[in-house]
Protein backbone atom coordinates (compact mmCIF):
# COMPACT_ATOMS: atom_id res chain seq x y z
CA MET A 1 10.67 11.25 -24.31
CA THR A 2 9.18 7.83 -25.44
CA THR A 3 6.89 5.76 -23.15
CA THR A 4 9.52 3.19 -22.75
CA ILE A 5 12.19 5.60 -21.57
CA ALA A 6 9.72 7.24 -19.21
CA ILE A 7 8.85 3.78 -17.74
CA ILE A 8 12.57 2.73 -17.24
CA LEU A 9 13.44 6.19 -15.62
CA SER A 10 10.51 5.95 -13.37
CA ILE A 11 11.26 2.41 -12.09
CA VAL A 12 14.92 3.33 -11.54
CA ILE A 13 14.04 6.58 -9.72
CA GLY A 14 11.30 5.06 -7.78
CA TYR A 15 13.53 2.21 -6.67
CA LEU A 16 16.51 4.47 -5.72
CA LEU A 17 14.16 6.96 -3.67
CA GLY A 18 12.36 4.01 -2.00
CA SER A 19 15.82 2.46 -1.01
CA ILE A 20 16.55 5.48 1.13
CA PRO A 21 16.33 3.97 4.71
CA PHE A 22 15.18 7.00 6.75
CA ALA A 23 14.65 4.93 9.83
CA LEU A 24 18.35 3.84 9.59
CA VAL A 25 19.48 7.45 8.94
CA ILE A 26 17.59 9.07 11.58
CA GLY A 27 18.46 6.52 14.12
CA LYS A 28 22.18 6.85 13.49
CA VAL A 29 22.37 10.55 12.91
CA PHE A 30 20.16 11.80 15.82
CA PHE A 31 20.18 8.79 18.19
CA LYS A 32 23.39 6.96 17.47
CA THR A 33 21.31 3.93 17.24
CA ASP A 34 20.88 1.09 14.66
CA ILE A 35 17.36 0.24 15.01
CA ARG A 36 18.12 -3.02 13.02
CA ASN A 37 19.41 -4.32 16.30
CA PHE A 38 16.38 -3.57 18.33
CA GLY A 39 12.56 -4.13 18.57
CA SER A 40 11.39 -5.89 15.27
CA LYS A 41 14.62 -5.04 13.61
CA ASN A 42 12.42 -3.59 10.99
CA LEU A 43 13.42 -0.39 9.19
CA GLY A 44 10.03 1.32 9.26
CA GLY A 45 8.26 3.96 11.20
CA GLY A 46 6.52 1.52 13.61
CA ASN A 47 9.84 0.08 14.83
CA ALA A 48 11.50 3.47 14.90
CA GLY A 49 8.66 4.70 17.08
CA ARG A 50 9.13 1.90 19.53
CA VAL A 51 12.89 1.98 19.70
CA LEU A 52 13.57 5.66 19.24
CA GLY A 53 10.37 7.45 20.34
CA LYS A 54 7.04 8.82 18.94
CA LYS A 55 8.75 11.81 17.37
CA ALA A 56 11.26 9.74 15.50
CA GLY A 57 8.74 7.33 14.42
CA LEU A 58 6.55 9.97 12.98
CA ALA A 59 9.45 11.68 11.19
CA VAL A 60 10.39 8.24 9.74
CA MET A 61 6.83 7.62 8.47
CA THR A 62 6.49 11.02 7.03
CA MET A 63 9.75 10.86 5.17
CA ASP A 64 8.90 7.28 3.83
CA ILE A 65 5.59 8.68 2.51
CA LEU A 66 7.13 11.57 0.97
CA LYS A 67 9.89 9.56 -0.90
CA VAL A 68 7.20 7.55 -2.76
CA THR A 69 5.25 10.80 -3.45
CA LEU A 70 8.30 12.35 -4.72
CA ALA A 71 8.92 9.50 -7.09
CA ILE A 72 5.33 9.80 -8.51
CA PHE A 73 5.69 13.62 -8.88
CA LEU A 74 9.04 13.06 -11.02
CA ALA A 75 7.32 10.31 -13.10
CA SER A 76 4.46 12.73 -13.72
CA LEU A 77 6.96 15.28 -15.16
CA PHE A 78 7.72 12.77 -18.07
CA GLY A 79 4.10 13.35 -19.57
CA GLN A 80 3.44 9.77 -20.47
CA GLY A 81 0.29 9.18 -18.38
CA GLU A 82 -0.58 7.22 -15.46
CA LEU A 83 1.61 4.07 -15.99
CA PRO A 84 5.02 5.57 -15.25
CA MET A 85 3.55 7.06 -11.95
CA ILE A 86 2.16 3.79 -11.05
CA LEU A 87 5.39 1.85 -11.73
CA ALA A 88 7.51 4.73 -9.80
CA GLY A 89 5.30 4.07 -6.89
CA LEU A 90 5.67 0.29 -6.93
CA ALA A 91 9.28 0.52 -7.49
CA ALA A 92 9.57 2.82 -4.44
CA ALA A 93 7.68 0.35 -2.43
CA ALA A 94 9.96 -2.47 -3.61
CA GLY A 95 12.86 -0.21 -2.77
CA HIS A 96 11.60 0.39 0.71
CA CYS A 97 11.00 -3.27 1.42
CA PHE A 98 14.29 -4.36 -0.24
CA PRO A 99 16.57 -1.30 -0.05
CA LEU A 100 19.72 -1.16 -2.16
CA PHE A 101 21.40 0.96 0.68
CA ALA A 102 20.50 -1.33 3.48
CA HIS A 103 21.55 -4.83 2.38
CA PHE A 104 18.07 -5.32 1.06
CA LYS A 105 16.33 -5.59 4.37
CA GLY A 106 13.66 -2.80 4.90
CA GLY A 107 10.29 -2.03 5.96
CA LYS A 108 6.74 -3.46 5.59
CA ALA A 109 5.26 -1.19 2.94
CA VAL A 110 2.76 0.54 4.89
CA ALA A 111 3.97 4.09 4.68
CA THR A 112 5.00 3.45 1.01
CA MET A 113 1.42 2.50 0.30
CA TYR A 114 0.18 5.74 1.81
CA GLY A 115 2.90 7.65 -0.16
CA PHE A 116 1.52 6.11 -3.33
CA LEU A 117 -1.96 6.97 -2.44
CA PHE A 118 -0.97 10.57 -1.58
CA GLY A 119 1.08 10.93 -4.78
CA MET A 120 -1.53 9.44 -7.13
CA GLY A 121 -4.27 11.55 -5.32
CA ILE A 122 -2.41 14.77 -6.16
CA PHE A 123 -0.47 13.94 -9.32
CA GLY A 124 -2.71 11.15 -10.71
CA GLY A 125 -5.87 13.19 -10.38
CA TYR A 126 -7.62 10.77 -7.91
CA GLY A 127 -8.16 13.39 -5.29
CA LEU A 128 -7.10 13.33 -1.59
CA ILE A 129 -10.03 10.97 -0.77
CA LEU A 130 -7.54 8.37 -2.12
CA PHE A 131 -5.32 9.08 0.81
CA ILE A 132 -7.90 10.10 3.48
CA PHE A 133 -10.29 7.12 3.23
CA PRO A 134 -7.84 4.44 4.04
CA LEU A 135 -6.38 6.55 6.83
CA LEU A 136 -9.81 6.80 8.38
CA VAL A 137 -10.12 2.99 8.12
CA PHE A 138 -6.64 2.62 9.67
CA LEU A 139 -7.50 4.89 12.68
CA LEU A 140 -10.97 3.29 13.17
CA VAL A 141 -9.42 -0.44 13.23
CA LEU A 142 -6.63 0.75 15.42
CA TYR A 143 -9.00 2.49 17.92
CA ILE A 144 -11.04 -0.69 18.14
CA TRP A 145 -8.40 -3.50 18.28
CA LYS A 146 -5.13 -1.51 19.06
CA ILE A 147 -3.03 -3.51 16.55
CA ILE A 148 -1.12 -1.70 14.01
CA ALA A 149 -0.58 -4.51 11.76
CA LEU A 150 -4.28 -5.35 11.55
CA ALA A 151 -5.12 -1.73 10.88
CA SER A 152 -2.48 -1.54 8.15
CA ILE A 153 -3.82 -4.57 6.25
CA CYS A 154 -7.52 -3.60 6.76
CA SER A 155 -6.70 -0.09 5.25
CA ALA A 156 -5.04 -1.70 2.33
CA VAL A 157 -7.91 -4.14 1.60
CA ALA A 158 -10.39 -1.20 2.07
CA ILE A 159 -8.73 1.28 -0.32
CA THR A 160 -8.36 -1.62 -2.94
CA VAL A 161 -12.12 -2.43 -2.90
CA PHE A 162 -12.93 1.41 -2.76
CA VAL A 163 -10.96 2.16 -5.83
CA PHE A 164 -12.39 -0.77 -7.69
CA VAL A 165 -15.87 0.21 -6.81
CA THR A 166 -15.68 4.00 -7.24
CA THR A 167 -13.30 4.25 -10.26
CA GLY A 168 -13.20 0.82 -12.04
CA SER A 169 -9.59 1.48 -12.75
CA VAL A 170 -7.96 -1.76 -13.47
CA PRO A 171 -4.34 -0.46 -13.25
CA MET A 172 -5.04 1.11 -9.91
CA THR A 173 -7.02 -1.73 -8.51
CA VAL A 174 -4.34 -4.26 -9.62
CA THR A 175 -1.57 -2.03 -8.21
CA LEU A 176 -3.34 -1.74 -4.82
CA LEU A 177 -3.84 -5.48 -4.66
CA ILE A 178 -0.18 -5.86 -5.31
CA PHE A 179 0.32 -3.37 -2.18
CA THR A 180 -2.13 -5.51 -0.21
CA VAL A 181 -0.42 -8.76 -0.96
CA LEU A 182 2.93 -7.41 -0.24
CA MET A 183 1.84 -5.96 3.05
CA ILE A 184 0.37 -9.33 3.98
CA ILE A 185 3.58 -11.06 3.20
CA ARG A 186 5.71 -8.52 4.93
CA HIS A 187 3.45 -8.86 8.13
CA LYS A 188 3.32 -12.59 8.23
CA LYS A 189 4.77 -12.86 11.57
CA ASN A 190 2.55 -10.32 12.88
CA ILE A 191 -0.40 -12.27 11.49
CA GLN A 192 0.77 -15.43 13.11
CA ARG A 193 1.07 -13.63 16.48
CA MET A 194 -2.41 -12.29 15.93
CA ILE A 195 -3.71 -15.71 15.35
CA ASN A 196 -2.01 -16.73 18.58
CA HIS A 197 -3.23 -13.77 20.39
CA GLU A 198 0.38 -12.79 21.09
CA GLU A 199 0.66 -9.57 18.96
CA ASN A 200 1.56 -6.44 20.95
CA LYS A 201 -1.22 -3.74 21.29
CA ILE A 202 -0.78 -0.05 21.43
CA SER A 203 -1.56 1.77 24.71
CA TRP A 204 -1.68 5.37 23.40
CA MET A 205 -5.08 5.20 21.96
């Protein structure tokens, strides 16, 4: 298989896997609820948790993480190095935010970033620190400020800087910068509410 074919297949596989709207599937199958009509109307784990409950939210987040990890794993089988895996992860994130199977209205890329980090940590050879470090940052920020959007963005910024400093990998740094920018754009309403001190805070931590 040539590198070009591997790249094309990785992008297509990544986007299609990323487009699977697990929040919508779990909501309709198990709760007879379309979460696009409730809460933030976002097809992500956070809104699923608010609308359907913590267990449903956790299930959605887990599946959203794993769909990106699966895309990276499949890309790794092509044997063409790191680039197809990176592009598969980015395509999966694009599919999650703009899903083919849900009228191109999806989530905010948080779980998909963690899926990318988990996948590259295992199959890209970076180690699980790539996943664990931003998760710790996320939990710390969430514990202090109780705002999920803030914790998500801070964890994205932290892992981008961490990868640049510790690995010097330009492709990974640029990719994580793209994830960070994407998350900021997808959270623009949350950011405005934070500026206005109107963003909802969690009560379970």
